Amino acid sequence: MPEKTDTPPLDFSPVVERLSAEFAGVHPRATVIRCVDAARHGAQEVTGLATLDLVERVARQHLQVLAMAFAERNSPFPA
C-alpha cells in the first residue's frame, strides 16, 4: 500500500487547462476534470505519487479512449 505523506496536494488546474484545450469540441470540461481526478487517484493508489506529468499522460489516454469509443458508438457503420 502506498505510504501517506504530509506533502500538500498538487494543483492540477494546468493539466485540466491543457487537456481542455486539446480536447475542445470532443469532450466537455467536466469530462476532462473527471478524467484528471480519476488519473490522480489511480496514480496515488498505485505508485504513491501523483505527479503532474503522470496524471496528464494517464488522463490524456483516458480521454483518447473515450473519444474513440464515442466515435465508434455513433458511427453509421456497424463494427
C-alpha atoms as a PDB file:
ATOM      1  CA  MET A   1       0.000   0.000   0.000  1.00  0.00           C
ATOM      2  CA  PRO A   2       1.373   3.482  -0.826  1.00  0.00           C
ATOM      3  CA  GLU A   3       2.837   5.401   2.033  1.00  0.00           C
ATOM      4  CA  LYS A   4       0.954   8.513   3.140  1.00  0.00           C
ATOM      5  CA  THR A   5       2.913  11.758   3.155  1.00  0.00           C
ATOM      6  CA  ASP A   6       2.282  15.193   4.598  1.00  0.00           C
ATOM      7  CA  THR A   7       3.012  16.974   1.334  1.00  0.00           C
ATOM      8  CA  PRO A   8       0.207  19.209   0.115  1.00  0.00           C
ATOM      9  CA  PRO A   9      -1.675  18.072  -2.992  1.00  0.00           C
ATOM     10  CA  LEU A  10      -0.506  19.484  -6.283  1.00  0.00           C
ATOM     11  CA  ASP A  11      -2.642  21.946  -8.184  1.00  0.00           C
ATOM     12  CA  PHE A  12      -3.832  20.092 -11.273  1.00  0.00           C
ATOM     13  CA  SER A  13      -5.531  23.088 -12.915  1.00  0.00           C
ATOM     14  CA  PRO A  14      -2.726  23.473 -15.522  1.00  0.00           C
ATOM     15  CA  VAL A  15      -3.341  19.858 -16.572  1.00  0.00           C
ATOM     16  CA  VAL A  16      -7.083  20.493 -16.825  1.00  0.00           C
ATOM     17  CA  GLU A  17      -6.433  23.630 -18.888  1.00  0.00           C
ATOM     18  CA  ARG A  18      -4.076  21.883 -21.322  1.00  0.00           C
ATOM     19  CA  LEU A  19      -6.332  18.866 -21.802  1.00  0.00           C
ATOM     20  CA  SER A  20      -9.464  21.017 -22.093  1.00  0.00           C
ATOM     21  CA  ALA A  21      -7.806  22.932 -24.918  1.00  0.00           C
ATOM     22  CA  GLU A  22      -6.539  19.736 -26.566  1.00  0.00           C
ATOM     23  CA  PHE A  23      -9.945  18.041 -26.447  1.00  0.00           C
ATOM     24  CA  ALA A  24     -12.096  21.126 -27.097  1.00  0.00           C
ATOM     25  CA  GLY A  25     -15.021  20.110 -29.260  1.00  0.00           C
ATOM     26  CA  VAL A  26     -14.542  16.464 -28.274  1.00  0.00           C
ATOM     27  CA  HIS A  27     -15.138  16.381 -24.515  1.00  0.00           C
ATOM     28  CA  PRO A  28     -16.757  18.913 -22.210  1.00  0.00           C
ATOM     29  CA  ARG A  29     -14.594  20.412 -19.482  1.00  0.00           C
ATOM     30  CA  ALA A  30     -16.457  18.367 -16.841  1.00  0.00           C
ATOM     31  CA  THR A  31     -15.309  15.141 -18.522  1.00  0.00           C
ATOM     32  CA  VAL A  32     -11.726  16.383 -18.585  1.00  0.00           C
ATOM     33  CA  ILE A  33     -11.912  17.231 -14.884  1.00  0.00           C
ATOM     34  CA  ARG A  34     -13.290  13.773 -14.061  1.00  0.00           C
ATOM     35  CA  CYS A  35     -10.529  12.072 -16.057  1.00  0.00           C
ATOM     36  CA  VAL A  36      -7.807  14.153 -14.398  1.00  0.00           C
ATOM     37  CA  ASP A  37      -9.279  13.381 -10.990  1.00  0.00           C
ATOM     38  CA  ALA A  38      -9.507   9.652 -11.767  1.00  0.00           C
ATOM     39  CA  ALA A  39      -5.929   9.622 -13.086  1.00  0.00           C
ATOM     40  CA  ARG A  40      -4.726  11.421  -9.960  1.00  0.00           C
ATOM     41  CA  HIS A  41      -6.462   8.971  -7.651  1.00  0.00           C
ATOM     42  CA  GLY A  42      -5.205   5.973  -9.644  1.00  0.00           C
ATOM     43  CA  ALA A  43      -1.621   7.183  -9.702  1.00  0.00           C
ATOM     44  CA  GLN A  44      -1.708   7.926  -5.994  1.00  0.00           C
ATOM     45  CA  GLU A  45      -3.135   4.492  -5.217  1.00  0.00           C
ATOM     46  CA  VAL A  46      -0.741   2.523  -7.436  1.00  0.00           C
ATOM     47  CA  THR A  47       2.528   4.413  -7.101  1.00  0.00           C
ATOM     48  CA  GLY A  48       2.018   6.577  -4.037  1.00  0.00           C
ATOM     49  CA  LEU A  49       2.747   9.628  -6.209  1.00  0.00           C
ATOM     50  CA  ALA A  50       0.574  11.691  -8.490  1.00  0.00           C
ATOM     51  CA  THR A  51       2.931  13.923 -10.442  1.00  0.00           C
ATOM     52  CA  LEU A  52       1.557  16.418 -12.925  1.00  0.00           C
ATOM     53  CA  ASP A  53       3.281  14.626 -15.804  1.00  0.00           C
ATOM     54  CA  LEU A  54       1.974  11.178 -14.899  1.00  0.00           C
ATOM     55  CA  VAL A  55      -1.565  12.393 -14.258  1.00  0.00           C
ATOM     56  CA  GLU A  56      -1.625  14.302 -17.551  1.00  0.00           C
ATOM     57  CA  ARG A  57      -0.415  11.286 -19.548  1.00  0.00           C
ATOM     58  CA  VAL A  58      -2.937   8.909 -17.978  1.00  0.00           C
ATOM     59  CA  ALA A  59      -5.821  11.380 -18.278  1.00  0.00           C
ATOM     60  CA  ARG A  60      -4.938  12.020 -21.939  1.00  0.00           C
ATOM     61  CA  GLN A  61      -5.065   8.275 -22.648  1.00  0.00           C
ATOM     62  CA  HIS A  62      -8.462   8.021 -20.943  1.00  0.00           C
ATOM     63  CA  LEU A  63      -9.795  10.936 -22.980  1.00  0.00           C
ATOM     64  CA  GLN A  64      -8.491   9.434 -26.226  1.00  0.00           C
ATOM     65  CA  VAL A  65     -10.125   6.075 -25.473  1.00  0.00           C
ATOM     66  CA  LEU A  66     -13.408   7.788 -24.593  1.00  0.00           C
ATOM     67  CA  ALA A  67     -13.292   9.732 -27.857  1.00  0.00           C
ATOM     68  CA  MET A  68     -12.692   6.547 -29.872  1.00  0.00           C
ATOM     69  CA  ALA A  69     -15.489   4.694 -28.081  1.00  0.00           C
ATOM     70  CA  PHE A  70     -17.876   7.592 -28.635  1.00  0.00           C
ATOM     71  CA  ALA A  71     -16.934   7.770 -32.333  1.00  0.00           C
ATOM     72  CA  GLU A  72     -17.487   4.022 -32.777  1.00  0.00           C
ATOM     73  CA  ARG A  73     -20.810   4.132 -30.977  1.00  0.00           C
ATOM     74  CA  ASN A  74     -22.020   6.968 -33.204  1.00  0.00           C
ATOM     75  CA  SER A  75     -20.627   5.540 -36.429  1.00  0.00           C
ATOM     76  CA  PRO A  76     -23.194   4.786 -39.131  1.00  0.00           C
ATOM     77  CA  PHE A  77     -21.188   1.659 -39.972  1.00  0.00           C
ATOM     78  CA  PRO A  78     -21.636  -1.434 -37.789  1.00  0.00           C
ATOM     79  CA  ALA A  79     -18.476  -2.777 -36.201  1.00  0.00           C
END
